[in-house]
């Protein structure tokens, strides 16, 4: 796999997804460099034989120097926290939109062979049908989705106007080991952390009507490697499990995985994201993608990895400035 590329760069390589991707590339025997601003409190040591480049993607000059010589680039670096995008929209825009512009501009000049842009299902906004395929309208209702969509548009514009070889992956709800509990908002690890601390699981919105497509980080990495290797330039791919899970079903799965009865605390005052969100993945399947990790297996492994009293989730889930979470028993 990836036989055309020898020198690979991963932006955001010290983050949750980036670390898993870097390890997978090292396992393939690739020469890997990772670019990161090293600001995360969860940043792990750089793997052996991987070169760390400390740079900020908002700085065009730093980025131009850091990307010189890279043949394949996975652009993972981003603000991935929707709440932060509401509270600090300028930071979110400068990181996700301007940072991506800086990268595609640098790569167009350096002559990189391929860019894989890691976008987000948030670009779709409120689902209009399901499962959602890649032709679904992109109408984000939160700043994070808008900034990630801006990054997509810059990638595709540079593909058409400068010949930049780029493919785009839109991950759905990614979970797995190594998430930063102070920043991660995907429900799986948050729910597991509350449950392992014998605290009620805080369910935002309607537990039955709110559904998600949860994809394990190992399956996401497999999907990213696949589109890097086989996809046509300029194409966009959903990356998910293709399975729909309600919040109540997730809670029940956590109970089965831990063999302990979960408690729920409903936060019914926030309904902004009470909708069905499930990925149509037939396009990615046509390249050979097949999700390997079931939700039950993923939750069991995560609970074992976290142990008995893991750090509790931090931060609230906010969609509008001034919004507050009010729990109902």
C-alpha atoms as a PDB file:
ATOM      1  CA  UNK A   1       0.000   0.000   0.000  1.00  0.00           C
ATOM      2  CA  UNK A   2       1.120   3.578  -0.791  1.00  0.00           C
ATOM      3  CA  UNK A   3       3.939   2.265  -2.955  1.00  0.00           C
ATOM      4  CA  UNK A   4       4.106   5.568  -4.870  1.00  0.00           C
ATOM      5  CA  UNK A   5       5.113   7.540  -1.789  1.00  0.00           C
ATOM      6  CA  UNK A   6       8.286   7.412   0.272  1.00  0.00           C
ATOM      7  CA  UNK A   7       8.200  10.669   2.279  1.00  0.00           C
ATOM      8  CA  UNK A   8       4.936  11.229   4.151  1.00  0.00           C
ATOM      9  CA  UNK A   9       3.924  14.171   6.333  1.00  0.00           C
ATOM     10  CA  UNK A  10       1.083  14.134   8.865  1.00  0.00           C
ATOM     11  CA  UNK A  11      -0.077  17.526  10.116  1.00  0.00           C
ATOM     12  CA  UNK A  12      -1.494  17.366  13.622  1.00  0.00           C
ATOM     13  CA  UNK A  13       0.492  14.170  14.113  1.00  0.00           C
ATOM     14  CA  UNK A  14       0.517  14.431  17.917  1.00  0.00           C
ATOM     15  CA  UNK A  15      -3.274  14.622  18.141  1.00  0.00           C
ATOM     16  CA  UNK A  16      -5.770  11.798  18.619  1.00  0.00           C
ATOM     17  CA  UNK A  17      -6.282  10.790  14.978  1.00  0.00           C
ATOM     18  CA  UNK A  18      -2.813  11.896  13.915  1.00  0.00           C
ATOM     19  CA  UNK A  19      -1.026   9.579  16.377  1.00  0.00           C
ATOM     20  CA  UNK A  20      -2.953   6.541  15.178  1.00  0.00           C
ATOM     21  CA  UNK A  21      -2.270   7.469  11.557  1.00  0.00           C
ATOM     22  CA  UNK A  22       1.456   7.984  12.196  1.00  0.00           C
ATOM     23  CA  UNK A  23       1.779   4.562  13.843  1.00  0.00           C
ATOM     24  CA  UNK A  24      -0.031   2.912  10.911  1.00  0.00           C
ATOM     25  CA  UNK A  25       2.314   4.589   8.416  1.00  0.00           C
ATOM     26  CA  UNK A  26       5.390   3.552  10.418  1.00  0.00           C
ATOM     27  CA  UNK A  27       4.069  -0.023  10.423  1.00  0.00           C
ATOM     28  CA  UNK A  28       3.982   0.184   6.614  1.00  0.00           C
ATOM     29  CA  UNK A  29       7.688   1.032   6.648  1.00  0.00           C
ATOM     30  CA  UNK A  30       7.257   4.622   5.483  1.00  0.00           C
ATOM     31  CA  UNK A  31       9.528   7.586   6.181  1.00  0.00           C
ATOM     32  CA  UNK A  32       7.212   9.709   8.284  1.00  0.00           C
ATOM     33  CA  UNK A  33       7.414  13.267   9.558  1.00  0.00           C
ATOM     34  CA  UNK A  34       4.764  14.843  11.713  1.00  0.00           C
ATOM     35  CA  UNK A  35       3.967  18.509  11.983  1.00  0.00           C
ATOM     36  CA  UNK A  36       2.354  19.784  15.153  1.00  0.00           C
ATOM     37  CA  UNK A  37       2.310  22.884  17.324  1.00  0.00           C
ATOM     38  CA  UNK A  38       2.779  20.535  20.328  1.00  0.00           C
ATOM     39  CA  UNK A  39       0.155  22.406  22.342  1.00  0.00           C
ATOM     40  CA  UNK A  40      -1.989  19.426  23.375  1.00  0.00           C
ATOM     41  CA  UNK A  41      -1.809  18.321  27.001  1.00  0.00           C
ATOM     42  CA  UNK A  42      -2.346  14.759  25.722  1.00  0.00           C
ATOM     43  CA  UNK A  43       0.590  14.837  23.322  1.00  0.00           C
ATOM     44  CA  UNK A  44       2.454  11.535  23.463  1.00  0.00           C
ATOM     45  CA  UNK A  45       6.176  11.058  22.763  1.00  0.00           C
ATOM     46  CA  UNK A  46       7.128  11.061  19.108  1.00  0.00           C
ATOM     47  CA  UNK A  47       7.463   7.472  17.827  1.00  0.00           C
ATOM     48  CA  UNK A  48      11.019   6.277  17.102  1.00  0.00           C
ATOM     49  CA  UNK A  49      12.334   7.160  13.638  1.00  0.00           C
ATOM     50  CA  UNK A  50       9.610   9.789  13.136  1.00  0.00           C
ATOM     51  CA  UNK A  51      10.751  13.364  12.623  1.00  0.00           C
ATOM     52  CA  UNK A  52       8.851  16.030  14.572  1.00  0.00           C
ATOM     53  CA  UNK A  53       8.458  19.439  12.970  1.00  0.00           C
ATOM     54  CA  UNK A  54       7.112  22.035  15.390  1.00  0.00           C
ATOM     55  CA  UNK A  55       5.073  24.558  13.434  1.00  0.00           C
ATOM     56  CA  UNK A  56       1.734  26.361  13.464  1.00  0.00           C
ATOM     57  CA  UNK A  57      -0.397  25.880  10.361  1.00  0.00           C
ATOM     58  CA  UNK A  58      -1.637  29.446  10.764  1.00  0.00           C
ATOM     59  CA  UNK A  59       1.887  30.642   9.945  1.00  0.00           C
ATOM     60  CA  UNK A  60       2.314  30.441   6.161  1.00  0.00           C
ATOM     61  CA  UNK A  61       6.095  30.808   6.248  1.00  0.00           C
ATOM     62  CA  UNK A  62       6.575  28.056   8.844  1.00  0.00           C
ATOM     63  CA  UNK A  63       4.278  25.786   6.863  1.00  0.00           C
ATOM     64  CA  UNK A  64       6.036  26.365   3.552  1.00  0.00           C
ATOM     65  CA  UNK A  65       9.365  25.392   5.093  1.00  0.00           C
ATOM     66  CA  UNK A  66       7.939  22.373   6.916  1.00  0.00           C
ATOM     67  CA  UNK A  67       6.242  20.824   3.880  1.00  0.00           C
ATOM     68  CA  UNK A  68       9.215  20.990   1.495  1.00  0.00           C
ATOM     69  CA  UNK A  69       9.996  17.535   0.126  1.00  0.00           C
ATOM     70  CA  UNK A  70       6.795  15.841   1.326  1.00  0.00           C
ATOM     71  CA  UNK A  71       5.297  13.551  -1.331  1.00  0.00           C
ATOM     72  CA  UNK A  72       2.085  12.562   0.473  1.00  0.00           C
ATOM     73  CA  UNK A  73       0.469  14.761   3.121  1.00  0.00           C
ATOM     74  CA  UNK A  74      -2.353  13.845   5.490  1.00  0.00           C
ATOM     75  CA  UNK A  75      -3.851  17.086   6.780  1.00  0.00           C
ATOM     76  CA  UNK A  76      -5.253  16.253  10.207  1.00  0.00           C
ATOM     77  CA  UNK A  77      -4.276  19.425  12.110  1.00  0.00           C
ATOM     78  CA  UNK A  78      -7.409  21.344  13.099  1.00  0.00           C
ATOM     79  CA  UNK A  79      -9.582  22.628  15.842  1.00  0.00           C
ATOM     80  CA  UNK A  80     -11.917  19.646  16.215  1.00  0.00           C
ATOM     81  CA  UNK A  81     -13.988  21.022  19.092  1.00  0.00           C
ATOM     82  CA  UNK A  82     -17.383  22.380  18.062  1.00  0.00           C
ATOM     83  CA  UNK A  83     -17.924  24.190  21.346  1.00  0.00           C
ATOM     84  CA  UNK A  84     -14.622  26.047  20.980  1.00  0.00           C
ATOM     85  CA  UNK A  85     -15.654  27.057  17.461  1.00  0.00           C
ATOM     86  CA  UNK A  86     -18.666  28.824  18.977  1.00  0.00           C
ATOM     87  CA  UNK A  87     -16.766  30.408  21.857  1.00  0.00           C
ATOM     88  CA  UNK A  88     -13.713  31.405  19.788  1.00  0.00           C
ATOM     89  CA  UNK A  89     -14.793  31.512  16.130  1.00  0.00           C
ATOM     90  CA  UNK A  90     -11.732  33.438  14.966  1.00  0.00           C
ATOM     91  CA  UNK A  91      -9.360  30.779  16.297  1.00  0.00           C
ATOM     92  CA  UNK A  92     -11.478  28.092  14.652  1.00  0.00           C
ATOM     93  CA  UNK A  93     -11.494  29.890  11.276  1.00  0.00           C
ATOM     94  CA  UNK A  94      -7.798  30.730  11.327  1.00  0.00           C
ATOM     95  CA  UNK A  95      -6.872  27.149  12.241  1.00  0.00           C
ATOM     96  CA  UNK A  96      -9.235  25.224   9.996  1.00  0.00           C
ATOM     97  CA  UNK A  97      -9.853  27.489   7.010  1.00  0.00           C
ATOM     98  CA  UNK A  98      -6.797  29.760   6.848  1.00  0.00           C
ATOM     99  CA  UNK A  99      -4.526  26.933   8.000  1.00  0.00           C
ATOM    100  CA  UNK A 100      -5.791  24.711   5.197  1.00  0.00           C
ATOM    101  CA  UNK A 101      -5.346  27.521   2.665  1.00  0.00           C
ATOM    102  CA  UNK A 102      -1.750  27.945   3.847  1.00  0.00           C
ATOM    103  CA  UNK A 103      -1.152  24.236   3.391  1.00  0.00           C
ATOM    104  CA  UNK A 104      -2.653  23.853  -0.088  1.00  0.00           C
ATOM    105  CA  UNK A 105      -0.823  26.983  -1.248  1.00  0.00           C
ATOM    106  CA  UNK A 106       2.483  25.582   0.028  1.00  0.00           C
ATOM    107  CA  UNK A 107       1.882  22.141  -1.499  1.00  0.00           C
ATOM    108  CA  UNK A 108       0.870  23.598  -4.867  1.00  0.00           C
ATOM    109  CA  UNK A 109       4.246  25.354  -4.971  1.00  0.00           C
ATOM    110  CA  UNK A 110       6.281  22.403  -3.669  1.00  0.00           C
ATOM    111  CA  UNK A 111       4.825  19.865  -6.088  1.00  0.00           C
ATOM    112  CA  UNK A 112       3.474  17.299  -3.616  1.00  0.00           C
ATOM    113  CA  UNK A 113       2.111  14.135  -5.220  1.00  0.00           C
ATOM    114  CA  UNK A 114      -1.046  13.935  -3.095  1.00  0.00           C
ATOM    115  CA  UNK A 115      -2.897  15.634  -0.244  1.00  0.00           C
ATOM    116  CA  UNK A 116      -5.471  13.823   1.869  1.00  0.00           C
ATOM    117  CA  UNK A 117      -7.667  16.378   3.643  1.00  0.00           C
ATOM    118  CA  UNK A 118      -9.448  15.126   6.747  1.00  0.00           C
ATOM    119  CA  UNK A 119     -12.717  17.031   6.819  1.00  0.00           C
ATOM    120  CA  UNK A 120     -15.817  16.218   8.900  1.00  0.00           C
ATOM    121  CA  UNK A 121     -19.424  15.076   8.614  1.00  0.00           C
ATOM    122  CA  UNK A 122     -20.241  18.421  10.262  1.00  0.00           C
ATOM    123  CA  UNK A 123     -20.040  20.004   6.800  1.00  0.00           C
ATOM    124  CA  UNK A 124     -23.446  18.465   6.022  1.00  0.00           C
ATOM    125  CA  UNK A 125     -25.333  20.267   8.785  1.00  0.00           C
ATOM    126  CA  UNK A 126     -28.775  18.899   9.654  1.00  0.00           C
ATOM    127  CA  UNK A 127     -29.371  15.683   7.684  1.00  0.00           C
ATOM    128  CA  UNK A 128     -32.061  15.884   5.015  1.00  0.00           C
ATOM    129  CA  UNK A 129     -32.013  12.170   4.260  1.00  0.00           C
ATOM    130  CA  UNK A 130     -30.210   9.096   5.536  1.00  0.00           C
ATOM    131  CA  UNK A 131     -27.972   7.394   5.136  1.00  0.00           C
ATOM    132  CA  UNK A 132     -26.150  10.484   3.902  1.00  0.00           C
ATOM    133  CA  UNK A 133     -24.097  10.030   0.762  1.00  0.00           C
ATOM    134  CA  UNK A 134     -21.404  12.403  -0.497  1.00  0.00           C
ATOM    135  CA  UNK A 135     -23.966  14.263  -2.657  1.00  0.00           C
ATOM    136  CA  UNK A 136     -25.926  15.381   0.399  1.00  0.00           C
ATOM    137  CA  UNK A 137     -26.162  19.215   0.590  1.00  0.00           C
ATOM    138  CA  UNK A 138     -23.440  20.883   2.667  1.00  0.00           C
ATOM    139  CA  UNK A 139     -25.131  23.441   4.911  1.00  0.00           C
ATOM    140  CA  UNK A 140     -23.290  23.521   8.251  1.00  0.00           C
ATOM    141  CA  UNK A 141     -25.049  25.229  11.148  1.00  0.00           C
ATOM    142  CA  UNK A 142     -22.030  25.475  13.459  1.00  0.00           C
ATOM    143  CA  UNK A 143     -18.776  27.370  12.964  1.00  0.00           C
ATOM    144  CA  UNK A 144     -16.689  24.203  13.033  1.00  0.00           C
ATOM    145  CA  UNK A 145     -18.598  22.728  10.108  1.00  0.00           C
ATOM    146  CA  UNK A 146     -18.265  25.989   8.188  1.00  0.00           C
ATOM    147  CA  UNK A 147     -14.500  26.168   8.708  1.00  0.00           C
ATOM    148  CA  UNK A 148     -14.006  22.534   7.678  1.00  0.00           C
ATOM    149  CA  UNK A 149     -16.122  23.087   4.573  1.00  0.00           C
ATOM    150  CA  UNK A 150     -14.024  26.159   3.753  1.00  0.00           C
ATOM    151  CA  UNK A 151     -10.974  23.893   3.881  1.00  0.00           C
ATOM    152  CA  UNK A 152     -12.645  21.484   1.465  1.00  0.00           C
ATOM    153  CA  UNK A 153     -13.427  24.296  -0.968  1.00  0.00           C
ATOM    154  CA  UNK A 154      -9.832  25.530  -0.929  1.00  0.00           C
ATOM    155  CA  UNK A 155      -8.602  21.980  -1.567  1.00  0.00           C
ATOM    156  CA  UNK A 156     -10.902  21.493  -4.538  1.00  0.00           C
ATOM    157  CA  UNK A 157     -10.249  24.985  -5.896  1.00  0.00           C
ATOM    158  CA  UNK A 158      -6.485  24.391  -5.811  1.00  0.00           C
ATOM    159  CA  UNK A 159      -7.047  20.996  -7.429  1.00  0.00           C
ATOM    160  CA  UNK A 160      -8.799  22.624 -10.370  1.00  0.00           C
ATOM    161  CA  UNK A 161      -6.771  25.838 -10.641  1.00  0.00           C
ATOM    162  CA  UNK A 162      -3.288  24.628  -9.683  1.00  0.00           C
ATOM    163  CA  UNK A 163      -3.457  20.902 -10.387  1.00  0.00           C
ATOM    164  CA  UNK A 164      -3.011  19.962  -6.715  1.00  0.00           C
ATOM    165  CA  UNK A 165      -3.731  16.218  -6.366  1.00  0.00           C
ATOM    166  CA  UNK A 166      -6.156  16.021  -3.439  1.00  0.00           C
ATOM    167  CA  UNK A 167      -8.744  13.648  -2.008  1.00  0.00           C
ATOM    168  CA  UNK A 168     -11.090  14.400   0.885  1.00  0.00           C
ATOM    169  CA  UNK A 169     -12.317  12.171   3.702  1.00  0.00           C
ATOM    170  CA  UNK A 170     -15.334  13.104   5.819  1.00  0.00           C
ATOM    171  CA  UNK A 171     -15.147  11.156   9.095  1.00  0.00           C
ATOM    172  CA  UNK A 172     -18.321  10.709  11.098  1.00  0.00           C
ATOM    173  CA  UNK A 173     -18.200  10.244  14.899  1.00  0.00           C
ATOM    174  CA  UNK A 174     -14.694   8.967  15.660  1.00  0.00           C
ATOM    175  CA  UNK A 175     -13.794   7.353  18.986  1.00  0.00           C
ATOM    176  CA  UNK A 176     -11.048   5.185  20.421  1.00  0.00           C
ATOM    177  CA  UNK A 177      -8.041   5.177  22.753  1.00  0.00           C
ATOM    178  CA  UNK A 178      -6.024   8.346  23.204  1.00  0.00           C
ATOM    179  CA  UNK A 179      -8.744  11.003  23.054  1.00  0.00           C
ATOM    180  CA  UNK A 180      -8.238  14.127  25.147  1.00  0.00           C
ATOM    181  CA  UNK A 181     -11.155  14.120  27.619  1.00  0.00           C
ATOM    182  CA  UNK A 182     -10.983  17.905  27.955  1.00  0.00           C
ATOM    183  CA  UNK A 183     -11.563  18.404  24.231  1.00  0.00           C
ATOM    184  CA  UNK A 184     -13.312  15.332  22.783  1.00  0.00           C
ATOM    185  CA  UNK A 185     -17.072  15.703  22.315  1.00  0.00           C
ATOM    186  CA  UNK A 186     -17.979  12.404  20.622  1.00  0.00           C
ATOM    187  CA  UNK A 187     -20.357  10.609  22.953  1.00  0.00           C
ATOM    188  CA  UNK A 188     -18.663   7.203  23.196  1.00  0.00           C
ATOM    189  CA  UNK A 189     -15.637   8.081  25.306  1.00  0.00           C
ATOM    190  CA  UNK A 190     -17.527  10.743  27.284  1.00  0.00           C
ATOM    191  CA  UNK A 191     -20.251   8.257  28.220  1.00  0.00           C
ATOM    192  CA  UNK A 192     -17.708   5.558  29.105  1.00  0.00           C
ATOM    193  CA  UNK A 193     -15.751   7.935  31.339  1.00  0.00           C
ATOM    194  CA  UNK A 194     -18.823   9.002  33.298  1.00  0.00           C
ATOM    195  CA  UNK A 195     -19.946   5.385  33.623  1.00  0.00           C
ATOM    196  CA  UNK A 196     -16.560   4.111  34.838  1.00  0.00           C
ATOM    197  CA  UNK A 197     -16.641   6.787  37.547  1.00  0.00           C
ATOM    198  CA  UNK A 198     -20.096   5.587  38.680  1.00  0.00           C
ATOM    199  CA  UNK A 199     -21.626   8.855  37.530  1.00  0.00           C
ATOM    200  CA  UNK A 200     -24.813   9.250  35.480  1.00  0.00           C
ATOM    201  CA  UNK A 201     -24.221   9.438  31.737  1.00  0.00           C
ATOM    202  CA  UNK A 202     -25.211  12.908  30.563  1.00  0.00           C
ATOM    203  CA  UNK A 203     -27.346  12.459  27.450  1.00  0.00           C
ATOM    204  CA  UNK A 204     -27.935  15.654  25.484  1.00  0.00           C
ATOM    205  CA  UNK A 205     -31.194  15.674  23.534  1.00  0.00           C
ATOM    206  CA  UNK A 206     -33.627  12.827  22.927  1.00  0.00           C
ATOM    207  CA  UNK A 207     -31.946   9.456  23.737  1.00  0.00           C
ATOM    208  CA  UNK A 208     -34.054   7.610  21.157  1.00  0.00           C
ATOM    209  CA  UNK A 209     -34.373  10.113  18.317  1.00  0.00           C
ATOM    210  CA  UNK A 210     -30.731  11.249  18.407  1.00  0.00           C
ATOM    211  CA  UNK A 211     -28.637   8.734  16.472  1.00  0.00           C
ATOM    212  CA  UNK A 212     -25.037   8.669  15.293  1.00  0.00           C
ATOM    213  CA  UNK A 213     -22.601   6.715  13.154  1.00  0.00           C
ATOM    214  CA  UNK A 214     -19.737   5.831  15.491  1.00  0.00           C
ATOM    215  CA  UNK A 215     -16.533   4.771  13.763  1.00  0.00           C
ATOM    216  CA  UNK A 216     -13.495   3.406  15.587  1.00  0.00           C
ATOM    217  CA  UNK A 217     -10.279   5.297  14.946  1.00  0.00           C
ATOM    218  CA  UNK A 218      -8.643   2.154  13.543  1.00  0.00           C
ATOM    219  CA  UNK A 219     -11.338   1.928  10.855  1.00  0.00           C
ATOM    220  CA  UNK A 220     -10.957   5.636  10.127  1.00  0.00           C
ATOM    221  CA  UNK A 221      -7.207   5.185   9.612  1.00  0.00           C
ATOM    222  CA  UNK A 222      -7.872   2.225   7.307  1.00  0.00           C
ATOM    223  CA  UNK A 223     -10.240   4.392   5.285  1.00  0.00           C
ATOM    224  CA  UNK A 224      -7.751   7.249   5.035  1.00  0.00           C
ATOM    225  CA  UNK A 225      -4.976   4.940   3.852  1.00  0.00           C
ATOM    226  CA  UNK A 226      -7.350   3.463   1.291  1.00  0.00           C
ATOM    227  CA  UNK A 227      -8.362   6.772  -0.286  1.00  0.00           C
ATOM    228  CA  UNK A 228      -4.728   7.914  -0.262  1.00  0.00           C
ATOM    229  CA  UNK A 229      -3.813   4.786  -2.202  1.00  0.00           C
ATOM    230  CA  UNK A 230      -6.757   4.224  -4.539  1.00  0.00           C
ATOM    231  CA  UNK A 231      -9.056   7.235  -4.872  1.00  0.00           C
ATOM    232  CA  UNK A 232      -9.226   9.497  -7.896  1.00  0.00           C
ATOM    233  CA  UNK A 233      -8.038  13.078  -7.442  1.00  0.00           C
ATOM    234  CA  UNK A 234     -10.775  15.534  -6.524  1.00  0.00           C
ATOM    235  CA  UNK A 235     -13.060  12.904  -4.966  1.00  0.00           C
ATOM    236  CA  UNK A 236     -14.809  13.085  -1.569  1.00  0.00           C
ATOM    237  CA  UNK A 237     -15.526  10.059   0.656  1.00  0.00           C
ATOM    238  CA  UNK A 238     -17.578   9.513   3.791  1.00  0.00           C
ATOM    239  CA  UNK A 239     -15.735   7.453   6.394  1.00  0.00           C
ATOM    240  CA  UNK A 240     -17.979   5.818   8.962  1.00  0.00           C
ATOM    241  CA  UNK A 241     -19.275   2.467  10.123  1.00  0.00           C
ATOM    242  CA  UNK A 242     -22.482   2.616   8.113  1.00  0.00           C
ATOM    243  CA  UNK A 243     -24.323   1.631  11.321  1.00  0.00           C
ATOM    244  CA  UNK A 244     -26.909   3.821  13.073  1.00  0.00           C
ATOM    245  CA  UNK A 245     -26.874   3.876  16.888  1.00  0.00           C
ATOM    246  CA  UNK A 246     -29.192   5.843  19.174  1.00  0.00           C
ATOM    247  CA  UNK A 247     -27.900   7.364  22.383  1.00  0.00           C
ATOM    248  CA  UNK A 248     -29.971   4.869  24.355  1.00  0.00           C
ATOM    249  CA  UNK A 249     -28.456   1.990  22.388  1.00  0.00           C
ATOM    250  CA  UNK A 250     -24.992   3.398  23.086  1.00  0.00           C
ATOM    251  CA  UNK A 251     -25.733   3.499  26.815  1.00  0.00           C
ATOM    252  CA  UNK A 252     -26.996  -0.100  26.661  1.00  0.00           C
ATOM    253  CA  UNK A 253     -23.861  -1.157  24.776  1.00  0.00           C
ATOM    254  CA  UNK A 254     -21.700   0.407  27.486  1.00  0.00           C
ATOM    255  CA  UNK A 255     -23.658  -1.544  30.082  1.00  0.00           C
ATOM    256  CA  UNK A 256     -23.098  -4.798  28.182  1.00  0.00           C
ATOM    257  CA  UNK A 257     -19.408  -4.059  27.696  1.00  0.00           C
ATOM    258  CA  UNK A 258     -18.773  -3.300  31.374  1.00  0.00           C
ATOM    259  CA  UNK A 259     -21.388  -5.632  32.875  1.00  0.00           C
ATOM    260  CA  UNK A 260     -22.591  -2.738  35.033  1.00  0.00           C
ATOM    261  CA  UNK A 261     -25.966  -1.014  34.916  1.00  0.00           C
ATOM    262  CA  UNK A 262     -25.602   2.540  33.546  1.00  0.00           C
ATOM    263  CA  UNK A 263     -27.471   5.536  34.902  1.00  0.00           C
ATOM    264  CA  UNK A 264     -28.739   8.328  32.638  1.00  0.00           C
ATOM    265  CA  UNK A 265     -29.152  12.037  33.273  1.00  0.00           C
ATOM    266  CA  UNK A 266     -31.071  13.669  30.429  1.00  0.00           C
ATOM    267  CA  UNK A 267     -30.234  17.167  29.217  1.00  0.00           C
ATOM    268  CA  UNK A 268     -33.389  17.818  27.255  1.00  0.00           C
ATOM    269  CA  UNK A 269     -32.908  21.587  27.080  1.00  0.00           C
ATOM    270  CA  UNK A 270     -30.461  21.228  24.159  1.00  0.00           C
ATOM    271  CA  UNK A 271     -31.986  19.730  21.027  1.00  0.00           C
ATOM    272  CA  UNK A 272     -29.803  21.305  18.316  1.00  0.00           C
ATOM    273  CA  UNK A 273     -28.278  17.958  17.360  1.00  0.00           C
ATOM    274  CA  UNK A 274     -31.235  15.660  17.991  1.00  0.00           C
ATOM    275  CA  UNK A 275     -31.347  14.137  14.540  1.00  0.00           C
ATOM    276  CA  UNK A 276     -30.348  10.957  12.715  1.00  0.00           C
ATOM    277  CA  UNK A 277     -26.756  10.986  11.464  1.00  0.00           C
ATOM    278  CA  UNK A 278     -25.555   7.906   9.596  1.00  0.00           C
ATOM    279  CA  UNK A 279     -22.979   7.640   6.830  1.00  0.00           C
ATOM    280  CA  UNK A 280     -23.603   6.180   3.434  1.00  0.00           C
ATOM    281  CA  UNK A 281     -20.285   4.403   2.784  1.00  0.00           C
ATOM    282  CA  UNK A 282     -20.971   2.577  -0.489  1.00  0.00           C
ATOM    283  CA  UNK A 283     -18.529   4.842  -2.346  1.00  0.00           C
ATOM    284  CA  UNK A 284     -15.713   3.952   0.056  1.00  0.00           C
ATOM    285  CA  UNK A 285     -16.721   0.288   0.050  1.00  0.00           C
ATOM    286  CA  UNK A 286     -16.198   0.306  -3.728  1.00  0.00           C
ATOM    287  CA  UNK A 287     -12.487   0.875  -3.005  1.00  0.00           C
ATOM    288  CA  UNK A 288     -12.383  -2.144  -0.695  1.00  0.00           C
ATOM    289  CA  UNK A 289     -13.303  -0.548   2.650  1.00  0.00           C
ATOM    290  CA  UNK A 290     -14.868  -2.802   5.265  1.00  0.00           C
ATOM    291  CA  UNK A 291     -15.218  -1.561   8.865  1.00  0.00           C
ATOM    292  CA  UNK A 292     -13.706  -4.145  11.178  1.00  0.00           C
ATOM    293  CA  UNK A 293     -14.438  -2.908  14.708  1.00  0.00           C
ATOM    294  CA  UNK A 294     -17.960  -3.346  16.104  1.00  0.00           C
ATOM    295  CA  UNK A 295     -19.223  -0.787  18.595  1.00  0.00           C
ATOM    296  CA  UNK A 296     -19.388  -3.405  21.358  1.00  0.00           C
ATOM    297  CA  UNK A 297     -15.806  -4.507  20.765  1.00  0.00           C
ATOM    298  CA  UNK A 298     -14.619  -0.910  20.565  1.00  0.00           C
ATOM    299  CA  UNK A 299     -16.345   0.029  23.819  1.00  0.00           C
ATOM    300  CA  UNK A 300     -15.004  -3.055  25.614  1.00  0.00           C
ATOM    301  CA  UNK A 301     -11.453  -2.253  24.557  1.00  0.00           C
ATOM    302  CA  UNK A 302     -11.843   1.411  25.467  1.00  0.00           C
ATOM    303  CA  UNK A 303     -13.201   0.610  28.945  1.00  0.00           C
ATOM    304  CA  UNK A 304     -10.261  -1.736  29.616  1.00  0.00           C
ATOM    305  CA  UNK A 305      -7.790   0.866  28.400  1.00  0.00           C
ATOM    306  CA  UNK A 306      -9.296   3.644  30.552  1.00  0.00           C
ATOM    307  CA  UNK A 307      -9.374   1.619  33.766  1.00  0.00           C
ATOM    308  CA  UNK A 308     -11.463   2.169  36.863  1.00  0.00           C
ATOM    309  CA  UNK A 309     -11.420   5.902  37.500  1.00  0.00           C
ATOM    310  CA  UNK A 310     -10.465   7.699  34.287  1.00  0.00           C
ATOM    311  CA  UNK A 311     -10.345  11.453  33.995  1.00  0.00           C
ATOM    312  CA  UNK A 312     -13.858  12.837  33.643  1.00  0.00           C
ATOM    313  CA  UNK A 313     -14.937  14.606  30.450  1.00  0.00           C
ATOM    314  CA  UNK A 314     -14.391  18.335  30.455  1.00  0.00           C
ATOM    315  CA  UNK A 315     -16.208  21.120  28.692  1.00  0.00           C
ATOM    316  CA  UNK A 316     -19.835  21.503  27.723  1.00  0.00           C
ATOM    317  CA  UNK A 317     -21.502  20.797  24.402  1.00  0.00           C
ATOM    318  CA  UNK A 318     -22.536  24.231  23.125  1.00  0.00           C
ATOM    319  CA  UNK A 319     -24.134  25.119  19.793  1.00  0.00           C
ATOM    320  CA  UNK A 320     -25.080  28.744  20.450  1.00  0.00           C
ATOM    321  CA  UNK A 321     -23.377  31.426  22.537  1.00  0.00           C
ATOM    322  CA  UNK A 322     -25.023  31.716  25.942  1.00  0.00           C
ATOM    323  CA  UNK A 323     -26.343  28.151  25.846  1.00  0.00           C
ATOM    324  CA  UNK A 324     -26.146  26.162  29.070  1.00  0.00           C
ATOM    325  CA  UNK A 325     -26.621  22.517  29.902  1.00  0.00           C
ATOM    326  CA  UNK A 326     -29.471  21.876  32.353  1.00  0.00           C
ATOM    327  CA  UNK A 327     -29.714  18.322  33.546  1.00  0.00           C
ATOM    328  CA  UNK A 328     -32.997  16.530  34.215  1.00  0.00           C
ATOM    329  CA  UNK A 329     -33.113  13.443  36.332  1.00  0.00           C
END
